[in-house]
């Protein structure tokens, strides 16, 4: 486990190695399977979410998604 400071609830992000302030199991912990789990900071979650939105926009193009992601 990436526990840094249990008293202050600080954990380390698995992706960028930054400290996760105000760590929440519900929000920051991703359980892949019984053998693999990661802790992810809010910045990395937001980057991953935007990346996924761009992929979905290409798979299922709508006017709104085209407008958001086709700005170049």
PDB file of N, CA and C in Angstrom:
ATOM      1  N   UNK A   1       0.838  -1.180   0.000  1.00  0.00           N
ATOM      2  CA  UNK A   1       0.000   0.000   0.000  1.00  0.00           C
ATOM      3  C   UNK A   1       0.882   1.242   0.000  1.00  0.00           C
ATOM      4  N   UNK A   2       0.396   2.328  -0.606  1.00  0.00           N
ATOM      5  CA  UNK A   2       1.152   3.563  -0.750  1.00  0.00           C
ATOM      6  C   UNK A   2       1.023   4.492   0.436  1.00  0.00           C
ATOM      7  N   UNK A   3       0.828   3.968   1.625  1.00  0.00           N
ATOM      8  CA  UNK A   3       0.577   4.812   2.784  1.00  0.00           C
ATOM      9  C   UNK A   3       1.804   5.640   3.121  1.00  0.00           C
ATOM     10  N   UNK A   4       1.612   6.947   3.197  1.00  0.00           N
ATOM     11  CA  UNK A   4       2.688   7.864   3.538  1.00  0.00           C
ATOM     12  C   UNK A   4       2.513   8.349   4.964  1.00  0.00           C
ATOM     13  N   UNK A   5       1.351   8.893   5.271  1.00  0.00           N
ATOM     14  CA  UNK A   5       1.088   9.446   6.591  1.00  0.00           C
ATOM     15  C   UNK A   5      -0.369   9.162   6.938  1.00  0.00           C
ATOM     16  N   UNK A   6      -0.612   8.087   7.621  1.00  0.00           N
ATOM     17  CA  UNK A   6      -1.971   7.648   7.904  1.00  0.00           C
ATOM     18  C   UNK A   6      -2.751   8.669   8.729  1.00  0.00           C
ATOM     19  N   UNK A   7      -2.116   9.356   9.647  1.00  0.00           N
ATOM     20  CA  UNK A   7      -2.795  10.336  10.490  1.00  0.00           C
ATOM     21  C   UNK A   7      -3.372  11.495   9.697  1.00  0.00           C
ATOM     22  N   UNK A   8      -2.665  11.954   8.684  1.00  0.00           N
ATOM     23  CA  UNK A   8      -3.135  13.073   7.870  1.00  0.00           C
ATOM     24  C   UNK A   8      -3.773  12.621   6.571  1.00  0.00           C
ATOM     25  N   UNK A   9      -3.906  11.332   6.368  1.00  0.00           N
ATOM     26  CA  UNK A   9      -4.517  10.769   5.164  1.00  0.00           C
ATOM     27  C   UNK A   9      -3.775  11.151   3.884  1.00  0.00           C
ATOM     28  N   UNK A  10      -2.453  11.103   3.891  1.00  0.00           N
ATOM     29  CA  UNK A  10      -1.675  11.357   2.694  1.00  0.00           C
ATOM     30  C   UNK A  10      -1.290  10.024   2.052  1.00  0.00           C
ATOM     31  N   UNK A  11      -1.496   9.931   0.757  1.00  0.00           N
ATOM     32  CA  UNK A  11      -1.082   8.764  -0.010  1.00  0.00           C
ATOM     33  C   UNK A  11      -0.290   9.284  -1.208  1.00  0.00           C
ATOM     34  N   UNK A  12       0.382   8.387  -1.904  1.00  0.00           N
ATOM     35  CA  UNK A  12       1.165   8.742  -3.073  1.00  0.00           C
ATOM     36  C   UNK A  12       0.442   8.246  -4.321  1.00  0.00           C
ATOM     37  N   UNK A  13       0.303   9.096  -5.324  1.00  0.00           N
ATOM     38  CA  UNK A  13      -0.342   8.717  -6.582  1.00  0.00           C
ATOM     39  C   UNK A  13       0.529   7.684  -7.299  1.00  0.00           C
ATOM     40  N   UNK A  14      -0.077   6.620  -7.741  1.00  0.00           N
ATOM     41  CA  UNK A  14       0.640   5.561  -8.441  1.00  0.00           C
ATOM     42  C   UNK A  14       1.153   6.036  -9.796  1.00  0.00           C
ATOM     43  N   UNK A  15       0.465   6.977 -10.420  1.00  0.00           N
ATOM     44  CA  UNK A  15       0.832   7.420 -11.762  1.00  0.00           C
ATOM     45  C   UNK A  15       1.891   8.513 -11.774  1.00  0.00           C
ATOM     46  N   UNK A  16       1.734   9.539 -10.922  1.00  0.00           N
ATOM     47  CA  UNK A  16       2.660  10.678 -10.972  1.00  0.00           C
ATOM     48  C   UNK A  16       3.544  10.798  -9.729  1.00  0.00           C
ATOM     49  N   UNK A  17       3.324   9.972  -8.738  1.00  0.00           N
ATOM     50  CA  UNK A  17       4.093   9.951  -7.490  1.00  0.00           C
ATOM     51  C   UNK A  17       3.939  11.199  -6.624  1.00  0.00           C
ATOM     52  N   UNK A  18       2.937  12.030  -6.892  1.00  0.00           N
ATOM     53  CA  UNK A  18       2.672  13.179  -6.028  1.00  0.00           C
ATOM     54  C   UNK A  18       1.863  12.714  -4.828  1.00  0.00           C
ATOM     55  N   UNK A  19       1.957  13.461  -3.734  1.00  0.00           N
ATOM     56  CA  UNK A  19       1.156  13.152  -2.560  1.00  0.00           C
ATOM     57  C   UNK A  19      -0.311  13.468  -2.840  1.00  0.00           C
ATOM     58  N   UNK A  20      -1.196  12.603  -2.392  1.00  0.00           N
ATOM     59  CA  UNK A  20      -2.633  12.814  -2.531  1.00  0.00           C
ATOM     60  C   UNK A  20      -3.129  13.368  -1.206  1.00  0.00           C
ATOM     61  N   UNK A  21      -3.462  14.651  -1.202  1.00  0.00           N
ATOM     62  CA  UNK A  21      -3.969  15.281   0.012  1.00  0.00           C
ATOM     63  C   UNK A  21      -5.453  14.938   0.155  1.00  0.00           C
ATOM     64  N   UNK A  22      -5.916  14.761   1.372  1.00  0.00           N
ATOM     65  CA  UNK A  22      -7.320  14.411   1.654  1.00  0.00           C
ATOM     66  C   UNK A  22      -7.723  13.132   0.922  1.00  0.00           C
ATOM     67  N   UNK A  23      -6.876  12.136   1.030  1.00  0.00           N
ATOM     68  CA  UNK A  23      -7.111  10.847   0.385  1.00  0.00           C
ATOM     69  C   UNK A  23      -8.452  10.260   0.804  1.00  0.00           C
ATOM     70  N   UNK A  24      -9.195   9.745  -0.172  1.00  0.00           N
ATOM     71  CA  UNK A  24     -10.471   9.086   0.070  1.00  0.00           C
ATOM     72  C   UNK A  24     -10.472   7.755  -0.673  1.00  0.00           C
ATOM     73  N   UNK A  25     -10.728   6.681   0.021  1.00  0.00           N
ATOM     74  CA  UNK A  25     -10.758   5.353  -0.615  1.00  0.00           C
ATOM     75  C   UNK A  25     -11.797   5.335  -1.732  1.00  0.00           C
ATOM     76  N   UNK A  26     -12.940   5.957  -1.496  1.00  0.00           N
ATOM     77  CA  UNK A  26     -14.015   5.948  -2.484  1.00  0.00           C
ATOM     78  C   UNK A  26     -13.633   6.707  -3.753  1.00  0.00           C
ATOM     79  N   UNK A  27     -12.873   7.783  -3.607  1.00  0.00           N
ATOM     80  CA  UNK A  27     -12.548   8.628  -4.754  1.00  0.00           C
ATOM     81  C   UNK A  27     -11.193   8.307  -5.383  1.00  0.00           C
ATOM     82  N   UNK A  28     -10.179   8.028  -4.578  1.00  0.00           N
ATOM     83  CA  UNK A  28      -8.812   7.900  -5.078  1.00  0.00           C
ATOM     84  C   UNK A  28      -8.302   6.480  -5.263  1.00  0.00           C
ATOM     85  N   UNK A  29      -9.004   5.488  -4.777  1.00  0.00           N
ATOM     86  CA  UNK A  29      -8.512   4.111  -4.834  1.00  0.00           C
ATOM     87  C   UNK A  29      -9.249   3.334  -5.928  1.00  0.00           C
ATOM     88  N   UNK A  30      -8.485   2.751  -6.844  1.00  0.00           N
ATOM     89  CA  UNK A  30      -9.057   1.944  -7.928  1.00  0.00           C
ATOM     90  C   UNK A  30      -8.592   0.508  -7.761  1.00  0.00           C
ATOM     91  N   UNK A  31      -9.529  -0.379  -7.584  1.00  0.00           N
ATOM     92  CA  UNK A  31      -9.250  -1.800  -7.430  1.00  0.00           C
ATOM     93  C   UNK A  31      -9.405  -2.451  -8.808  1.00  0.00           C
ATOM     94  N   UNK A  32      -8.298  -2.916  -9.380  1.00  0.00           N
ATOM     95  CA  UNK A  32      -8.320  -3.543 -10.706  1.00  0.00           C
ATOM     96  C   UNK A  32      -8.847  -4.975 -10.588  1.00  0.00           C
ATOM     97  N   UNK A  33      -8.238  -5.723  -9.711  1.00  0.00           N
ATOM     98  CA  UNK A  33      -8.692  -7.075  -9.379  1.00  0.00           C
ATOM     99  C   UNK A  33      -8.148  -7.400  -7.989  1.00  0.00           C
ATOM    100  N   UNK A  34      -8.283  -8.625  -7.555  1.00  0.00           N
ATOM    101  CA  UNK A  34      -7.859  -8.963  -6.199  1.00  0.00           C
ATOM    102  C   UNK A  34      -6.353  -8.817  -5.964  1.00  0.00           C
ATOM    103  N   UNK A  35      -5.576  -8.779  -7.038  1.00  0.00           N
ATOM    104  CA  UNK A  35      -4.118  -8.665  -6.904  1.00  0.00           C
ATOM    105  C   UNK A  35      -3.569  -7.282  -7.251  1.00  0.00           C
ATOM    106  N   UNK A  36      -4.382  -6.429  -7.850  1.00  0.00           N
ATOM    107  CA  UNK A  36      -3.890  -5.139  -8.329  1.00  0.00           C
ATOM    108  C   UNK A  36      -4.840  -4.019  -7.924  1.00  0.00           C
ATOM    109  N   UNK A  37      -4.256  -2.977  -7.346  1.00  0.00           N
ATOM    110  CA  UNK A  37      -5.003  -1.779  -6.973  1.00  0.00           C
ATOM    111  C   UNK A  37      -4.054  -0.587  -7.057  1.00  0.00           C
ATOM    112  N   UNK A  38      -4.615   0.578  -7.359  1.00  0.00           N
ATOM    113  CA  UNK A  38      -3.809   1.790  -7.468  1.00  0.00           C
ATOM    114  C   UNK A  38      -4.495   2.937  -6.739  1.00  0.00           C
ATOM    115  N   UNK A  39      -3.697   3.901  -6.327  1.00  0.00           N
ATOM    116  CA  UNK A  39      -4.199   5.131  -5.733  1.00  0.00           C
ATOM    117  C   UNK A  39      -3.875   6.244  -6.718  1.00  0.00           C
ATOM    118  N   UNK A  40      -4.884   7.058  -7.070  1.00  0.00           N
ATOM    119  CA  UNK A  40      -4.724   8.053  -8.121  1.00  0.00           C
ATOM    120  C   UNK A  40      -5.140   9.422  -7.603  1.00  0.00           C
ATOM    121  N   UNK A  41      -4.316  10.450  -7.879  1.00  0.00           N
ATOM    122  CA  UNK A  41      -4.628  11.809  -7.454  1.00  0.00           C
ATOM    123  C   UNK A  41      -5.693  12.435  -8.360  1.00  0.00           C
ATOM    124  N   UNK A  42      -6.259  13.531  -7.902  1.00  0.00           N
ATOM    125  CA  UNK A  42      -7.328  14.205  -8.644  1.00  0.00           C
ATOM    126  C   UNK A  42      -6.848  14.684 -10.017  1.00  0.00           C
ATOM    127  N   UNK A  43      -5.614  15.196 -10.103  1.00  0.00           N
ATOM    128  CA  UNK A  43      -5.087  15.663 -11.391  1.00  0.00           C
ATOM    129  C   UNK A  43      -5.016  14.536 -12.407  1.00  0.00           C
ATOM    130  N   UNK A  44      -4.538  13.374 -11.992  1.00  0.00           N
ATOM    131  CA  UNK A  44      -4.436  12.233 -12.898  1.00  0.00           C
ATOM    132  C   UNK A  44      -5.821  11.697 -13.273  1.00  0.00           C
ATOM    133  N   UNK A  45      -6.748  11.724 -12.322  1.00  0.00           N
ATOM    134  CA  UNK A  45      -8.122  11.313 -12.621  1.00  0.00           C
ATOM    135  C   UNK A  45      -8.707  12.232 -13.685  1.00  0.00           C
ATOM    136  N   UNK A  46      -8.514  13.538 -13.533  1.00  0.00           N
ATOM    137  CA  UNK A  46      -9.038  14.504 -14.506  1.00  0.00           C
ATOM    138  C   UNK A  46      -8.405  14.317 -15.885  1.00  0.00           C
ATOM    139  N   UNK A  47      -7.100  14.068 -15.932  1.00  0.00           N
ATOM    140  CA  UNK A  47      -6.417  13.837 -17.210  1.00  0.00           C
ATOM    141  C   UNK A  47      -6.937  12.572 -17.870  1.00  0.00           C
ATOM    142  N   UNK A  48      -7.115  11.513 -17.072  1.00  0.00           N
ATOM    143  CA  UNK A  48      -7.629  10.256 -17.603  1.00  0.00           C
ATOM    144  C   UNK A  48      -9.054  10.445 -18.117  1.00  0.00           C
ATOM    145  N   UNK A  49      -9.863  11.186 -17.370  1.00  0.00           N
ATOM    146  CA  UNK A  49     -11.249  11.427 -17.770  1.00  0.00           C
ATOM    147  C   UNK A  49     -11.310  12.178 -19.099  1.00  0.00           C
ATOM    148  N   UNK A  50     -10.495  13.225 -19.259  1.00  0.00           N
ATOM    149  CA  UNK A  50     -10.471  13.978 -20.517  1.00  0.00           C
ATOM    150  C   UNK A  50     -10.003  13.098 -21.671  1.00  0.00           C
ATOM    151  N   UNK A  51      -9.019  12.264 -21.417  1.00  0.00           N
ATOM    152  CA  UNK A  51      -8.514  11.350 -22.443  1.00  0.00           C
ATOM    153  C   UNK A  51      -9.624  10.395 -22.889  1.00  0.00           C
ATOM    154  N   UNK A  52     -10.362   9.847 -21.929  1.00  0.00           N
ATOM    155  CA  UNK A  52     -11.463   8.944 -22.250  1.00  0.00           C
ATOM    156  C   UNK A  52     -12.587   9.661 -22.993  1.00  0.00           C
ATOM    157  N   UNK A  53     -12.896  10.877 -22.587  1.00  0.00           N
ATOM    158  CA  UNK A  53     -13.940  11.646 -23.268  1.00  0.00           C
ATOM    159  C   UNK A  53     -13.582  11.882 -24.727  1.00  0.00           C
ATOM    160  N   UNK A  54     -12.312  12.165 -24.986  1.00  0.00           N
ATOM    161  CA  UNK A  54     -11.869  12.376 -26.366  1.00  0.00           C
ATOM    162  C   UNK A  54     -12.015  11.094 -27.181  1.00  0.00           C
ATOM    163  N   UNK A  55     -11.681   9.955 -26.576  1.00  0.00           N
ATOM    164  CA  UNK A  55     -11.818   8.673 -27.283  1.00  0.00           C
ATOM    165  C   UNK A  55     -13.285   8.365 -27.565  1.00  0.00           C
ATOM    166  N   UNK A  56     -14.153   8.600 -26.593  1.00  0.00           N
ATOM    167  CA  UNK A  56     -15.586   8.345 -26.761  1.00  0.00           C
ATOM    168  C   UNK A  56     -16.174   9.293 -27.798  1.00  0.00           C
ATOM    169  N   UNK A  57     -15.704  10.544 -27.808  1.00  0.00           N
ATOM    170  CA  UNK A  57     -16.189  11.515 -28.787  1.00  0.00           C
ATOM    171  C   UNK A  57     -15.884  11.061 -30.211  1.00  0.00           C
ATOM    172  N   UNK A  58     -14.751  10.414 -30.397  1.00  0.00           N
ATOM    173  CA  UNK A  58     -14.404   9.907 -31.730  1.00  0.00           C
ATOM    174  C   UNK A  58     -15.228   8.674 -32.090  1.00  0.00           C
ATOM    175  N   UNK A  59     -15.533   7.836 -31.109  1.00  0.00           N
ATOM    176  CA  UNK A  59     -16.332   6.637 -31.367  1.00  0.00           C
ATOM    177  C   UNK A  59     -17.804   6.961 -31.595  1.00  0.00           C
ATOM    178  N   UNK A  60     -18.327   7.914 -30.822  1.00  0.00           N
ATOM    179  CA  UNK A  60     -19.734   8.281 -30.874  1.00  0.00           C
ATOM    180  C   UNK A  60     -19.860   9.786 -31.056  1.00  0.00           C
ATOM    181  N   UNK A  61     -19.578  10.261 -32.266  1.00  0.00           N
ATOM    182  CA  UNK A  61     -19.561  11.711 -32.475  1.00  0.00           C
ATOM    183  C   UNK A  61     -20.963  12.332 -32.370  1.00  0.00           C
ATOM    184  N   UNK A  62     -21.075  13.335 -31.524  1.00  0.00           N
ATOM    185  CA  UNK A  62     -22.278  14.143 -31.425  1.00  0.00           C
ATOM    186  C   UNK A  62     -21.859  15.585 -31.648  1.00  0.00           C
ATOM    187  N   UNK A  63     -22.810  16.454 -31.889  1.00  0.00           N
ATOM    188  CA  UNK A  63     -22.466  17.864 -32.130  1.00  0.00           C
ATOM    189  C   UNK A  63     -21.702  18.463 -30.967  1.00  0.00           C
ATOM    190  N   UNK A  64     -22.141  18.178 -29.751  1.00  0.00           N
ATOM    191  CA  UNK A  64     -21.489  18.759 -28.572  1.00  0.00           C
ATOM    192  C   UNK A  64     -20.070  18.217 -28.427  1.00  0.00           C
ATOM    193  N   UNK A  65     -19.888  16.906 -28.565  1.00  0.00           N
ATOM    194  CA  UNK A  65     -18.556  16.322 -28.422  1.00  0.00           C
ATOM    195  C   UNK A  65     -17.628  16.800 -29.537  1.00  0.00           C
ATOM    196  N   UNK A  66     -18.145  16.914 -30.753  1.00  0.00           N
ATOM    197  CA  UNK A  66     -17.314  17.425 -31.835  1.00  0.00           C
ATOM    198  C   UNK A  66     -16.855  18.847 -31.526  1.00  0.00           C
ATOM    199  N   UNK A  67     -17.779  19.648 -30.998  1.00  0.00           N
ATOM    200  CA  UNK A  67     -17.459  21.025 -30.671  1.00  0.00           C
ATOM    201  C   UNK A  67     -16.389  21.104 -29.594  1.00  0.00           C
ATOM    202  N   UNK A  68     -16.474  20.244 -28.580  1.00  0.00           N
ATOM    203  CA  UNK A  68     -15.528  20.263 -27.464  1.00  0.00           C
ATOM    204  C   UNK A  68     -14.146  19.751 -27.884  1.00  0.00           C
ATOM    205  N   UNK A  69     -14.102  18.640 -28.614  1.00  0.00           N
ATOM    206  CA  UNK A  69     -12.824  17.955 -28.838  1.00  0.00           C
ATOM    207  C   UNK A  69     -12.206  18.172 -30.218  1.00  0.00           C
ATOM    208  N   UNK A  70     -12.891  18.775 -31.140  1.00  0.00           N
ATOM    209  CA  UNK A  70     -12.321  18.967 -32.465  1.00  0.00           C
ATOM    210  C   UNK A  70     -11.748  20.368 -32.659  1.00  0.00           C
ATOM    211  N   UNK A  71     -11.491  21.059 -31.552  1.00  0.00           N
ATOM    212  CA  UNK A  71     -10.846  22.370 -31.638  1.00  0.00           C
ATOM    213  C   UNK A  71      -9.363  22.162 -31.875  1.00  0.00           C
ATOM    214  N   UNK A  72      -8.887  22.658 -32.980  1.00  0.00           N
ATOM    215  CA  UNK A  72      -7.453  22.523 -33.283  1.00  0.00           C
ATOM    216  C   UNK A  72      -6.923  23.788 -33.881  1.00  0.00           C
TER     217      UNK A  72
END
